[in-house]
Every structure is written in structure tokens, then in C-alpha cells.
Amino acid sequence: MPRSVELVASVAIGGAAGSVARYLLSGAIQERSATVFPTGTLVVNVGGCLAIGFLMRLVLDTGEFSPPVRALLTTGFLGGFTTFSAFAWETMGAIEEGAIRRALAYASGSVVFGLTAVWVGSAAAQLLLHAIRGEAT
């Protein structure tokens, strides 16, 4: 299926912004962390999961976002922002170092907190939409 230039440009712009945001945020968090645990990457992954849960619930329940805006925010920005390739690399590095507990804590924390964040983001968007529409929850 051919992609429009507008959609591709939206993904590219969002991806560039998301990558820069990931680099700055994860680096700032990791610099303040007093451990080798990849805290910066974990925070970015969970934050990205929270954001995609929220945005996709808004998109699915309202239809208010045009395809280019949706592509910019989700595939572009959040695709550039979340770092599961870095997650896999850091987990493998911990395993190769023999730090199995750290690898398991990081991998399980990323999955559990990520899924929880998607659920919380989705629920928050539903509450917001109910409030905007004046509906009872």
C-alpha cells in the first residue's frame, strides 16, 4: 500500500523529535542515577507506554486526529521516543556480564510497568473524554 508524502513526512518529523526527546530525557535521568541499572531507558519506555495508551484511546474514541497527526504522534514521536532496541541491548549486556538478577529485574520491570502504564494512560483518556462529554463514569 503506497504511503502519502504527508504521512511519511509526519512520521519523519515526529521520529526526529521523539529521538531527541529520548536522548535528552534518558541521559538526564541516567546521569542522576547512582546505579548501573538503566533507569533512564526504563523511565522513557514506561513514559512512552503511558503516552501511547493515552493517545490511542483518544484517537480510537474520538476520531479527532487526522492520519498525519496520528502518524506524527504515535509512529513518529513515540516510535522515536521509546527505546526497546536499547532495552534489549542493555538486558543482553547485563546477562553477558553475569548480572542475571539485574537483567531479570529490568526486563520484568519494563514489561510490567509498561503494560500498566498503557492501561493507566488509556483509563486516563477515557476519564477525560467522559468529563468532556459530561458522561458519568
C-alpha atoms as a PDB file:
ATOM      1  CA  MET A   1       0.000   0.000   0.000  1.00  0.00           C
ATOM      2  CA  PRO A   2       1.607   3.307  -1.021  1.00  0.00           C
ATOM      3  CA  ARG A   3       2.149   5.897   1.693  1.00  0.00           C
ATOM      4  CA  SER A   4       1.482   9.558   1.109  1.00  0.00           C
ATOM      5  CA  VAL A   5       4.296  12.057   1.294  1.00  0.00           C
ATOM      6  CA  GLU A   6       2.375  13.840   4.067  1.00  0.00           C
ATOM      7  CA  LEU A   7       2.249  10.681   6.217  1.00  0.00           C
ATOM      8  CA  VAL A   8       5.909   9.872   5.639  1.00  0.00           C
ATOM      9  CA  ALA A   9       6.910  13.446   6.469  1.00  0.00           C
ATOM     10  CA  SER A  10       4.771  13.330   9.615  1.00  0.00           C
ATOM     11  CA  VAL A  11       6.486  10.134  10.784  1.00  0.00           C
ATOM     12  CA  ALA A  12       9.919  11.582   9.989  1.00  0.00           C
ATOM     13  CA  ILE A  13       9.303  14.836  11.871  1.00  0.00           C
ATOM     14  CA  GLY A  14       7.766  13.036  14.847  1.00  0.00           C
ATOM     15  CA  GLY A  15      10.544  10.456  14.866  1.00  0.00           C
ATOM     16  CA  ALA A  16      13.261  13.099  14.900  1.00  0.00           C
ATOM     17  CA  ALA A  17      11.580  14.945  17.777  1.00  0.00           C
ATOM     18  CA  GLY A  18      10.977  11.724  19.714  1.00  0.00           C
ATOM     19  CA  SER A  19      14.565  10.576  19.295  1.00  0.00           C
ATOM     20  CA  VAL A  20      15.926  13.876  20.550  1.00  0.00           C
ATOM     21  CA  ALA A  21      13.500  13.821  23.500  1.00  0.00           C
ATOM     22  CA  ARG A  22      14.567  10.255  24.336  1.00  0.00           C
ATOM     23  CA  TYR A  23      18.250  11.148  24.160  1.00  0.00           C
ATOM     24  CA  LEU A  24      17.885  14.184  26.403  1.00  0.00           C
ATOM     25  CA  LEU A  25      15.497  12.674  28.953  1.00  0.00           C
ATOM     26  CA  SER A  26      17.100   9.251  29.339  1.00  0.00           C
ATOM     27  CA  GLY A  27      20.554  10.836  29.559  1.00  0.00           C
ATOM     28  CA  ALA A  28      19.456  13.349  32.201  1.00  0.00           C
ATOM     29  CA  ILE A  29      17.822  10.633  34.296  1.00  0.00           C
ATOM     30  CA  GLN A  30      20.742   8.224  33.974  1.00  0.00           C
ATOM     31  CA  GLU A  31      23.254  10.930  34.950  1.00  0.00           C
ATOM     32  CA  ARG A  32      21.342  11.409  38.211  1.00  0.00           C
ATOM     33  CA  SER A  33      21.052   7.680  38.853  1.00  0.00           C
ATOM     34  CA  ALA A  34      23.515   6.240  41.337  1.00  0.00           C
ATOM     35  CA  THR A  35      23.479   2.795  39.734  1.00  0.00           C
ATOM     36  CA  VAL A  36      24.382   0.935  36.553  1.00  0.00           C
ATOM     37  CA  PHE A  37      20.717  -0.076  36.287  1.00  0.00           C
ATOM     38  CA  PRO A  38      19.402   1.520  33.048  1.00  0.00           C
ATOM     39  CA  THR A  39      16.953   3.793  34.859  1.00  0.00           C
ATOM     40  CA  GLY A  40      16.835   6.364  32.047  1.00  0.00           C
ATOM     41  CA  THR A  41      15.783   3.807  29.458  1.00  0.00           C
ATOM     42  CA  LEU A  42      13.223   2.246  31.801  1.00  0.00           C
ATOM     43  CA  VAL A  43      11.628   5.639  32.545  1.00  0.00           C
ATOM     44  CA  VAL A  44      11.474   6.509  28.841  1.00  0.00           C
ATOM     45  CA  ASN A  45       9.929   3.132  27.948  1.00  0.00           C
ATOM     46  CA  VAL A  46       7.270   3.390  30.654  1.00  0.00           C
ATOM     47  CA  GLY A  47       6.571   7.041  29.789  1.00  0.00           C
ATOM     48  CA  GLY A  48       6.204   6.135  26.119  1.00  0.00           C
ATOM     49  CA  CYS A  49       3.801   3.324  27.034  1.00  0.00           C
ATOM     50  CA  LEU A  50       1.734   5.718  29.153  1.00  0.00           C
ATOM     51  CA  ALA A  51       1.628   8.240  26.310  1.00  0.00           C
ATOM     52  CA  ILE A  52       0.642   5.712  23.643  1.00  0.00           C
ATOM     53  CA  GLY A  53      -2.108   4.306  25.856  1.00  0.00           C
ATOM     54  CA  PHE A  54      -3.485   7.809  26.344  1.00  0.00           C
ATOM     55  CA  LEU A  55      -3.150   8.945  22.716  1.00  0.00           C
ATOM     56  CA  MET A  56      -4.513   5.806  21.118  1.00  0.00           C
ATOM     57  CA  ARG A  57      -7.538   5.784  23.416  1.00  0.00           C
ATOM     58  CA  LEU A  58      -8.238   9.400  22.397  1.00  0.00           C
ATOM     59  CA  VAL A  59      -7.788   8.511  18.730  1.00  0.00           C
ATOM     60  CA  LEU A  60      -9.963   5.406  18.902  1.00  0.00           C
ATOM     61  CA  ASP A  61     -12.722   7.028  20.947  1.00  0.00           C
ATOM     62  CA  THR A  62     -12.897  10.402  19.218  1.00  0.00           C
ATOM     63  CA  GLY A  63     -11.579  10.077  15.680  1.00  0.00           C
ATOM     64  CA  GLU A  64     -10.439  13.685  16.142  1.00  0.00           C
ATOM     65  CA  PHE A  65      -6.874  13.121  14.963  1.00  0.00           C
ATOM     66  CA  SER A  66      -6.176  13.144  11.249  1.00  0.00           C
ATOM     67  CA  PRO A  67      -3.996  10.324   9.892  1.00  0.00           C
ATOM     68  CA  PRO A  68      -0.951  12.639   9.550  1.00  0.00           C
ATOM     69  CA  VAL A  69      -1.295  13.895  13.145  1.00  0.00           C
ATOM     70  CA  ARG A  70      -1.780  10.342  14.429  1.00  0.00           C
ATOM     71  CA  ALA A  71       1.280   9.196  12.458  1.00  0.00           C
ATOM     72  CA  LEU A  72       3.348  12.113  13.773  1.00  0.00           C
ATOM     73  CA  LEU A  73       2.428  11.427  17.411  1.00  0.00           C
ATOM     74  CA  THR A  74       2.408   7.614  17.544  1.00  0.00           C
ATOM     75  CA  THR A  75       4.580   6.028  14.862  1.00  0.00           C
ATOM     76  CA  GLY A  76       6.795   9.101  14.643  1.00  0.00           C
ATOM     77  CA  PHE A  77       7.278  10.702  18.059  1.00  0.00           C
ATOM     78  CA  LEU A  78       6.578   7.706  20.280  1.00  0.00           C
ATOM     79  CA  GLY A  79       8.355   5.342  17.892  1.00  0.00           C
ATOM     80  CA  GLY A  80      11.433   7.550  18.135  1.00  0.00           C
ATOM     81  CA  PHE A  81      10.962   8.113  21.865  1.00  0.00           C
ATOM     82  CA  THR A  82      10.627   4.566  23.147  1.00  0.00           C
ATOM     83  CA  THR A  83      13.766   2.540  23.244  1.00  0.00           C
ATOM     84  CA  PHE A  84      13.073  -1.139  23.153  1.00  0.00           C
ATOM     85  CA  SER A  85      16.102  -1.774  20.971  1.00  0.00           C
ATOM     86  CA  ALA A  86      18.220  -0.145  23.674  1.00  0.00           C
ATOM     87  CA  PHE A  87      16.229  -2.169  26.229  1.00  0.00           C
ATOM     88  CA  ALA A  88      17.146  -5.439  24.500  1.00  0.00           C
ATOM     89  CA  TRP A  89      20.800  -4.441  24.172  1.00  0.00           C
ATOM     90  CA  GLU A  90      21.091  -3.381  27.826  1.00  0.00           C
ATOM     91  CA  THR A  91      19.369  -6.562  29.015  1.00  0.00           C
ATOM     92  CA  MET A  92      21.715  -8.702  26.932  1.00  0.00           C
ATOM     93  CA  GLY A  93      24.693  -6.726  28.247  1.00  0.00           C
ATOM     94  CA  ALA A  94      23.657  -7.435  31.843  1.00  0.00           C
ATOM     95  CA  ILE A  95      23.276 -11.136  31.003  1.00  0.00           C
ATOM     96  CA  GLU A  96      26.710 -11.204  29.368  1.00  0.00           C
ATOM     97  CA  GLU A  97      28.176  -9.536  32.485  1.00  0.00           C
ATOM     98  CA  GLY A  98      26.629 -12.296  34.580  1.00  0.00           C
ATOM     99  CA  ALA A  99      24.213  -9.820  36.220  1.00  0.00           C
ATOM    100  CA  ILE A 100      21.222 -12.090  35.773  1.00  0.00           C
ATOM    101  CA  ARG A 101      19.186 -10.543  38.596  1.00  0.00           C
ATOM    102  CA  ARG A 102      19.661  -7.066  37.140  1.00  0.00           C
ATOM    103  CA  ALA A 103      18.664  -8.316  33.679  1.00  0.00           C
ATOM    104  CA  LEU A 104      15.555 -10.046  35.019  1.00  0.00           C
ATOM    105  CA  ALA A 105      14.549  -7.030  37.133  1.00  0.00           C
ATOM    106  CA  TYR A 106      14.993  -4.693  34.196  1.00  0.00           C
ATOM    107  CA  ALA A 107      13.164  -6.912  31.682  1.00  0.00           C
ATOM    108  CA  SER A 108      10.272  -7.732  34.002  1.00  0.00           C
ATOM    109  CA  GLY A 109      10.034  -4.124  35.222  1.00  0.00           C
ATOM    110  CA  SER A 110       9.877  -2.852  31.658  1.00  0.00           C
ATOM    111  CA  VAL A 111       7.098  -5.268  30.724  1.00  0.00           C
ATOM    112  CA  VAL A 112       5.023  -4.968  33.911  1.00  0.00           C
ATOM    113  CA  PHE A 113       5.362  -1.200  34.284  1.00  0.00           C
ATOM    114  CA  GLY A 114       4.970  -0.650  30.533  1.00  0.00           C
ATOM    115  CA  LEU A 115       1.723  -2.616  30.342  1.00  0.00           C
ATOM    116  CA  THR A 116       0.474  -0.917  33.500  1.00  0.00           C
ATOM    117  CA  ALA A 117       1.320   2.494  32.044  1.00  0.00           C
ATOM    118  CA  VAL A 118      -0.583   1.716  28.816  1.00  0.00           C
ATOM    119  CA  TRP A 119      -3.606   0.721  30.917  1.00  0.00           C
ATOM    120  CA  VAL A 120      -3.349   3.864  33.105  1.00  0.00           C
ATOM    121  CA  GLY A 121      -2.933   6.108  30.040  1.00  0.00           C
ATOM    122  CA  SER A 122      -5.938   4.538  28.362  1.00  0.00           C
ATOM    123  CA  ALA A 123      -8.055   4.837  31.520  1.00  0.00           C
ATOM    124  CA  ALA A 124      -6.995   8.473  31.981  1.00  0.00           C
ATOM    125  CA  ALA A 125      -8.029   9.276  28.418  1.00  0.00           C
ATOM    126  CA  GLN A 126     -11.396   7.582  28.958  1.00  0.00           C
ATOM    127  CA  LEU A 127     -11.966   9.633  32.145  1.00  0.00           C
ATOM    128  CA  LEU A 128     -11.019  12.808  30.307  1.00  0.00           C
ATOM    129  CA  LEU A 129     -13.380  12.016  27.453  1.00  0.00           C
ATOM    130  CA  HIS A 130     -16.217  11.227  29.846  1.00  0.00           C
ATOM    131  CA  ALA A 131     -15.606  14.532  31.644  1.00  0.00           C
ATOM    132  CA  ILE A 132     -15.519  16.483  28.380  1.00  0.00           C
ATOM    133  CA  ARG A 133     -18.708  14.806  27.180  1.00  0.00           C
ATOM    134  CA  GLY A 134     -20.409  15.191  30.568  1.00  0.00           C
ATOM    135  CA  GLU A 135     -20.916  11.444  30.905  1.00  0.00           C
ATOM    136  CA  ALA A 136     -20.974   9.504  34.148  1.00  0.00           C
ATOM    137  CA  THR A 137     -18.096   7.071  34.571  1.00  0.00           C
END
